[in-house]
Amino acid sequence: MFENVSRRNVMALGVGAAVGLGLSSVKAPAFAKEPKLHAQAPYWYRFNVGDAEITIVSDGWQMLGDPSKSFLGSKEEVRKELTDNFMNPSDMNIELNSFVVNMNGKLVLFDTGLGYSKMFGQKGGLLLKNLASAGIKAENIDAVVISHGHIDHIGGIVDEHGALNYPNAQVYISQADLDYWTDEKQMNAPWKKGFITHARNNLLPVRDRIVFFKDQQEFLPGITAMSAPGHTIGHTMFNIQSNGQSFIFVGDVSHHSVLLIQNPRMEFLYDADSKQAVETRLKMLDYLSTNRIPILAYHFSWPGYGHFLKQGEGYRYLPAPMNMNL
């Protein structure tokens, strides 16, 4: 079929085609002289909701390993859902999407990442670096809002020496989660010991500046708590509202944009009460999809902002297009 392909046509097809046709005499163009950079774009993303400026700032990755050990459907089910969605079925890294809200004269940070903990691998603990990259000074944070007391959400309140990373911030958390995750008596499961230790190291040094919120309380201007228990007893979502627009930070209602969404009845290893977590997830997914409310999810693929849509017996997550022109 290649008898009539001329040398000029081969050049038009490109060097790869020439090599495939055995015309080794064709000279390849010189490669660029710059070295490979081995670097990505800055790990933050900024957009507006009403008059509020939102900056999603990554703490990096939480490395879970084999997904079937954390997502408690059958191994075949977990593998199929991931494979069908072009995702790695044998090794999972989930994002840590903290964010800062700048509105009403305050800078409010939601969740603080893993901090110095390496319990979930070496890819986390990037929040302070990425805040600086985004032009946000840690000392200018007025409030740190914690969705729940797990290690990957409270882990960056202090550094490895116990110094406050956000020295001028009030800290907001549910009383139920503060009490539970700082109680040494709760170390009744192998994985909990590290969680309790890290929570005590981060929460007890700021105990005198902690403020508790209640369900449906607007505890900061434009920020309302929404109780969503199950993952932890005090797990909380937050409604951020400004000038008639809003979105809801869903925290850990789901740890994955496919697993627990396409099959929301699947259970998750680190849920305190897995049955209650499923009940909460179904309730919230129905509410958010029915009302077409934008969401930000802590562990979804970067930057974790989009919508839920009802689909069959489950739901689907639709990422919002990133807008790079503010």
Protein backbone atom coordinates (compact mmCIF):
# COMPACT_ATOMS: atom_id res chain seq x y z
CA MET A 1 0.00 0.00 0.00
CA PHE A 2 3.06 2.29 0.30
CA GLU A 3 4.44 1.90 -3.23
CA ASN A 4 3.41 5.39 -4.33
CA VAL A 5 4.45 7.29 -1.22
CA SER A 6 7.06 9.85 -2.29
CA ARG A 7 9.87 11.18 -0.13
CA ARG A 8 8.10 14.56 -0.06
CA ASN A 9 4.93 12.89 1.24
CA VAL A 10 6.96 11.08 3.89
CA MET A 11 8.38 14.38 5.09
CA ALA A 12 4.85 15.74 5.33
CA LEU A 13 3.85 12.75 7.41
CA GLY A 14 6.69 13.35 9.83
CA VAL A 15 9.85 11.64 10.97
CA GLY A 16 7.99 8.88 12.83
CA ALA A 17 6.31 7.83 9.62
CA ALA A 18 9.63 7.91 7.78
CA VAL A 19 11.22 5.57 10.27
CA GLY A 20 8.21 3.25 10.01
CA LEU A 21 8.69 3.13 6.23
CA GLY A 22 12.34 2.24 6.55
CA LEU A 23 13.63 5.56 5.11
CA SER A 24 16.40 5.94 7.68
CA SER A 25 18.21 8.53 5.60
CA VAL A 26 15.66 11.19 6.57
CA LYS A 27 17.24 13.40 9.21
CA ALA A 28 15.29 14.01 12.42
CA PRO A 29 14.92 17.59 13.64
CA ALA A 30 17.02 18.62 16.62
CA PHE A 31 15.36 18.21 20.04
CA ALA A 32 14.92 21.24 22.29
CA LYS A 33 18.07 22.10 24.23
CA GLU A 34 16.27 22.78 27.51
CA PRO A 35 16.44 20.02 30.14
CA LYS A 36 13.30 18.32 31.43
CA LEU A 37 11.85 20.42 34.26
CA HIS A 38 10.21 17.69 36.40
CA ALA A 39 7.76 20.25 37.83
CA GLN A 40 4.05 21.00 37.60
CA ALA A 41 2.05 24.20 37.68
CA PRO A 42 1.47 25.80 41.12
CA TYR A 43 -0.79 23.61 43.28
CA TRP A 44 -3.51 26.21 43.90
CA TYR A 45 -6.60 27.41 42.05
CA ARG A 46 -8.62 30.59 42.56
CA PHE A 47 -12.19 31.56 41.65
CA ASN A 48 -15.04 33.77 42.87
CA VAL A 49 -18.36 32.94 44.49
CA GLY A 50 -20.38 36.11 44.83
CA ASP A 51 -18.06 38.63 46.48
CA ALA A 52 -15.96 35.87 48.08
CA GLU A 53 -12.60 34.89 46.65
CA ILE A 54 -11.93 31.16 47.00
CA THR A 55 -8.43 29.71 46.74
CA ILE A 56 -8.14 25.92 46.75
CA VAL A 57 -4.69 25.09 48.09
CA SER A 58 -3.40 21.52 48.03
CA ASP A 59 -1.70 19.70 50.87
CA GLY A 60 -0.69 17.03 48.33
CA TRP A 61 -1.65 13.36 48.28
CA GLN A 62 -2.87 10.89 50.84
CA MET A 63 -1.58 7.49 49.70
CA LEU A 64 -4.03 4.63 50.39
CA GLY A 65 -2.44 1.80 48.41
CA ASP A 66 -4.79 -1.03 47.43
CA PRO A 67 -8.25 0.62 47.11
CA SER A 68 -10.09 -2.57 48.11
CA LYS A 69 -8.58 -2.33 51.61
CA SER A 70 -10.26 1.03 52.26
CA PHE A 71 -13.38 0.88 50.09
CA LEU A 72 -15.32 -2.07 51.42
CA GLY A 73 -17.27 -3.37 48.46
CA SER A 74 -16.17 -6.62 46.89
CA LYS A 75 -12.70 -6.49 45.34
CA GLU A 76 -14.25 -7.23 41.96
CA GLU A 77 -16.72 -4.37 42.32
CA VAL A 78 -14.04 -1.86 43.37
CA ARG A 79 -11.73 -2.95 40.56
CA LYS A 80 -14.49 -2.76 37.94
CA GLU A 81 -15.69 0.71 38.94
CA LEU A 82 -12.15 2.08 38.86
CA THR A 83 -11.21 0.32 35.62
CA ASP A 84 -14.42 1.41 33.90
CA ASN A 85 -13.55 5.01 34.77
CA PHE A 86 -9.92 4.75 33.58
CA MET A 87 -8.52 4.83 37.12
CA ASN A 88 -5.79 2.71 38.68
CA PRO A 89 -7.51 -0.31 40.29
CA SER A 90 -4.54 -1.39 42.40
CA ASP A 91 -2.95 1.74 43.86
CA MET A 92 -4.86 4.83 45.01
CA ASN A 93 -3.72 8.33 45.92
CA ILE A 94 -6.42 10.78 46.98
CA GLU A 95 -6.11 14.56 47.02
CA LEU A 96 -6.06 16.85 50.06
CA ASN A 97 -7.98 19.93 48.90
CA SER A 98 -7.84 22.59 51.60
CA PHE A 99 -9.13 26.04 50.69
CA VAL A 100 -9.14 29.66 51.84
CA VAL A 101 -12.17 31.96 51.74
CA ASN A 102 -11.47 35.68 51.59
CA MET A 103 -14.68 37.57 52.40
CA ASN A 104 -16.14 39.99 54.91
CA GLY A 105 -12.67 41.17 55.85
CA LYS A 106 -11.49 37.73 56.99
CA LEU A 107 -9.24 34.98 55.67
CA VAL A 108 -10.69 31.58 56.61
CA LEU A 109 -8.80 28.32 56.03
CA PHE A 110 -10.75 25.05 55.86
CA ASP A 111 -8.81 21.98 57.07
CA THR A 112 -5.03 21.86 57.42
CA GLY A 113 -3.86 18.63 55.78
CA LEU A 114 -1.48 16.01 57.09
CA GLY A 115 1.17 18.43 58.32
CA TYR A 116 4.35 16.62 59.28
CA SER A 117 2.72 13.17 59.53
CA LYS A 118 3.96 10.55 57.08
CA MET A 119 1.37 7.94 58.09
CA PHE A 120 -0.10 8.10 54.58
CA GLY A 121 3.13 8.42 52.62
CA GLN A 122 5.58 11.10 51.60
CA LYS A 123 3.38 13.12 49.24
CA GLY A 124 1.44 15.23 51.79
CA GLY A 125 2.30 18.18 54.00
CA LEU A 126 2.50 20.76 51.19
CA LEU A 127 -0.11 23.22 52.44
CA LEU A 128 2.15 25.93 53.87
CA LYS A 129 4.37 25.86 50.78
CA ASN A 130 1.37 26.13 48.47
CA LEU A 131 -0.27 28.86 50.54
CA ALA A 132 2.89 30.91 50.10
CA SER A 133 2.88 30.14 46.38
CA ALA A 134 -0.72 31.42 46.23
CA GLY A 135 0.32 34.68 47.92
CA ILE A 136 -1.38 33.88 51.23
CA LYS A 137 0.59 34.43 54.44
CA ALA A 138 -0.08 31.93 57.21
CA GLU A 139 0.05 34.68 59.83
CA ASN A 140 -2.81 36.46 58.05
CA ILE A 141 -5.24 33.56 58.47
CA ASP A 142 -7.98 34.74 60.87
CA ALA A 143 -9.80 31.44 61.31
CA VAL A 144 -9.08 27.74 60.79
CA VAL A 145 -12.29 25.71 60.30
CA ILE A 146 -12.01 21.95 60.82
CA SER A 147 -14.53 19.58 59.23
CA HIS A 148 -13.58 16.72 61.59
CA GLY A 149 -10.78 15.43 63.77
CA HIS A 150 -8.99 12.99 61.44
CA ILE A 151 -5.26 13.22 60.95
CA ASP A 152 -5.45 14.53 57.36
CA HIS A 153 -7.65 17.46 58.39
CA ILE A 154 -6.10 18.63 61.68
CA GLY A 155 -2.52 17.58 60.96
CA GLY A 156 -1.14 20.97 60.02
CA ILE A 157 -2.34 23.17 62.88
CA VAL A 158 1.14 23.00 64.45
CA ASP A 159 4.55 22.05 63.09
CA GLU A 160 6.70 19.13 64.23
CA HIS A 161 8.08 21.25 67.08
CA GLY A 162 4.64 22.24 68.37
CA ALA A 163 4.76 25.83 67.06
CA LEU A 164 1.51 27.24 65.68
CA ASN A 165 1.42 27.36 61.88
CA TYR A 166 -1.43 29.91 61.98
CA PRO A 167 -0.51 31.98 65.04
CA ASN A 168 -3.30 34.54 64.72
CA ALA A 169 -6.18 32.19 63.92
CA GLN A 170 -9.20 31.16 65.95
CA VAL A 171 -9.92 27.44 65.49
CA TYR A 172 -13.46 26.13 64.86
CA ILE A 173 -14.45 22.46 65.29
CA SER A 174 -17.39 20.44 66.61
CA GLN A 175 -17.14 19.68 70.32
CA ALA A 176 -17.96 16.02 69.68
CA ASP A 177 -14.91 15.59 67.46
CA LEU A 178 -12.58 17.54 69.74
CA ASP A 179 -13.60 15.41 72.71
CA TYR A 180 -13.37 12.13 70.83
CA TRP A 181 -10.08 12.61 68.96
CA THR A 182 -8.18 13.98 71.94
CA ASP A 183 -9.35 11.17 74.24
CA GLU A 184 -6.58 8.59 74.72
CA LYS A 185 -9.23 6.04 75.74
CA GLN A 186 -10.39 5.90 72.10
CA MET A 187 -7.26 4.04 70.94
CA ASN A 188 -9.28 0.84 70.55
CA ALA A 189 -8.39 0.10 66.91
CA PRO A 190 -4.87 -0.32 65.49
CA TRP A 191 -5.23 2.62 63.09
CA LYS A 192 -6.61 4.97 65.76
CA LYS A 193 -3.45 5.29 67.86
CA GLY A 194 -1.68 7.48 65.31
CA PHE A 195 -4.87 9.47 64.71
CA ILE A 196 -5.39 10.19 68.42
CA THR A 197 -1.73 11.04 69.00
CA HIS A 198 -1.61 13.45 66.06
CA ALA A 199 -4.94 15.03 67.03
CA ARG A 200 -3.76 15.62 70.59
CA ASN A 201 -0.51 17.12 69.31
CA ASN A 202 -2.41 19.54 67.06
CA LEU A 203 -5.59 20.36 68.96
CA LEU A 204 -4.48 20.58 72.59
CA PRO A 205 -1.93 23.39 71.95
CA VAL A 206 -4.78 25.57 70.59
CA ARG A 207 -7.43 24.50 73.11
CA ASP A 208 -7.71 28.02 74.50
CA ARG A 209 -8.57 29.44 71.07
CA ILE A 210 -11.05 26.76 69.96
CA VAL A 211 -14.67 27.78 69.31
CA PHE A 212 -17.41 25.17 68.88
CA PHE A 213 -20.11 25.47 66.22
CA LYS A 214 -23.55 23.86 66.16
CA ASP A 215 -25.61 22.44 63.31
CA GLN A 216 -27.17 25.17 61.13
CA GLN A 217 -25.24 27.89 62.96
CA GLU A 218 -23.78 30.75 60.94
CA PHE A 219 -20.68 30.86 63.15
CA LEU A 220 -18.74 33.21 60.86
CA PRO A 221 -20.33 35.74 58.49
CA GLY A 222 -21.45 33.79 55.41
CA ILE A 223 -20.33 30.39 56.77
CA THR A 224 -22.91 27.94 58.14
CA ALA A 225 -22.26 24.53 59.71
CA MET A 226 -24.19 21.49 58.44
CA SER A 227 -23.97 18.38 60.61
CA ALA A 228 -23.10 15.27 58.54
CA PRO A 229 -22.21 12.51 61.03
CA GLY A 230 -21.06 8.99 60.32
CA HIS A 231 -17.54 9.40 59.05
CA THR A 232 -16.89 10.81 62.53
CA ILE A 233 -19.48 11.62 65.17
CA GLY A 234 -18.98 15.34 64.68
CA HIS A 235 -18.22 15.42 60.94
CA THR A 236 -19.51 18.70 59.50
CA MET A 237 -20.09 20.21 56.05
CA PHE A 238 -20.09 23.96 55.48
CA ASN A 239 -22.26 26.24 53.36
CA ILE A 240 -20.30 29.26 52.10
CA GLN A 241 -22.59 32.08 50.91
CA SER A 242 -21.85 35.47 49.39
CA ASN A 243 -24.03 37.93 47.50
CA GLY A 244 -26.69 35.36 46.58
CA GLN A 245 -24.26 32.64 45.49
CA SER A 246 -23.04 29.64 47.46
CA PHE A 247 -21.28 26.29 47.48
CA ILE A 248 -21.01 23.52 50.07
CA PHE A 249 -17.77 22.00 51.32
CA VAL A 250 -18.72 18.35 51.77
CA GLY A 251 -15.57 17.29 53.62
CA ASP A 252 -15.41 13.50 53.77
CA VAL A 253 -19.01 12.62 52.90
CA SER A 254 -17.21 10.76 50.11
CA HIS A 255 -13.50 10.02 49.68
CA HIS A 256 -13.67 9.36 45.96
CA SER A 257 -15.42 10.82 42.93
CA VAL A 258 -16.47 7.37 41.64
CA LEU A 259 -16.40 4.91 44.53
CA LEU A 260 -19.04 5.94 47.12
CA ILE A 261 -20.73 8.12 44.47
CA GLN A 262 -21.75 5.68 41.75
CA ASN A 263 -22.41 3.22 44.57
CA PRO A 264 -23.11 5.45 47.60
CA ARG A 265 -24.06 2.46 49.77
CA MET A 266 -20.51 1.15 49.73
CA GLU A 267 -18.79 1.47 53.12
CA PHE A 268 -15.40 2.99 53.93
CA LEU A 269 -12.78 1.64 56.34
CA TYR A 270 -12.22 4.82 58.34
CA ASP A 271 -15.89 5.62 59.02
CA ALA A 272 -16.70 5.69 62.74
CA ASP A 273 -20.23 4.46 62.03
CA SER A 274 -20.37 3.08 58.48
CA LYS A 275 -24.17 2.63 58.45
CA GLN A 276 -24.73 6.22 59.55
CA ALA A 277 -22.11 7.42 57.04
CA VAL A 278 -24.04 5.73 54.21
CA GLU A 279 -27.31 7.23 55.43
CA THR A 280 -25.75 10.70 55.59
CA ARG A 281 -24.16 10.30 52.16
CA LEU A 282 -27.45 9.30 50.53
CA LYS A 283 -29.26 12.20 52.17
CA MET A 284 -26.64 14.76 51.17
CA LEU A 285 -26.21 13.48 47.61
CA ASP A 286 -29.96 13.68 47.08
CA TYR A 287 -30.10 17.21 48.51
CA LEU A 288 -27.10 18.50 46.58
CA SER A 289 -28.07 16.96 43.24
CA THR A 290 -31.75 17.92 43.48
CA ASN A 291 -30.89 21.54 44.28
CA ARG A 292 -27.97 21.69 41.82
CA ILE A 293 -25.67 23.11 44.49
CA PRO A 294 -21.95 23.38 43.67
CA ILE A 295 -19.70 21.37 45.97
CA LEU A 296 -16.08 21.23 46.98
CA ALA A 297 -14.81 17.80 48.07
CA TYR A 298 -11.66 17.38 50.12
CA HIS A 299 -10.43 14.15 48.50
CA PHE A 300 -11.68 14.37 44.90
CA SER A 301 -9.36 14.80 41.92
CA TRP A 302 -7.83 18.27 41.89
CA PRO A 303 -9.30 20.80 42.44
CA GLY A 304 -12.42 18.92 43.61
CA TYR A 305 -15.05 21.51 42.65
CA GLY A 306 -18.21 20.56 40.72
CA HIS A 307 -21.72 19.09 40.98
CA PHE A 308 -23.49 15.83 41.78
CA LEU A 309 -26.02 14.39 39.33
CA LYS A 310 -28.49 11.57 39.99
CA GLN A 311 -27.70 8.55 37.80
CA GLY A 312 -29.56 5.25 38.11
CA GLU A 313 -29.32 3.86 41.64
CA GLY A 314 -26.37 6.13 42.39
CA TYR A 315 -24.90 9.47 41.41
CA ARG A 316 -22.24 10.98 39.21
CA TYR A 317 -19.72 13.71 39.96
CA LEU A 318 -19.30 16.37 37.25
CA PRO A 319 -16.14 18.48 37.70
CA ALA A 320 -16.65 22.17 37.01
CA PRO A 321 -14.45 23.55 34.22
CA MET A 322 -11.51 25.49 35.61
CA ASN A 323 -11.71 29.19 34.78
CA MET A 324 -8.20 30.62 34.47
CA ASN A 325 -9.42 34.17 33.81
CA LEU A 326 -10.60 35.92 36.96
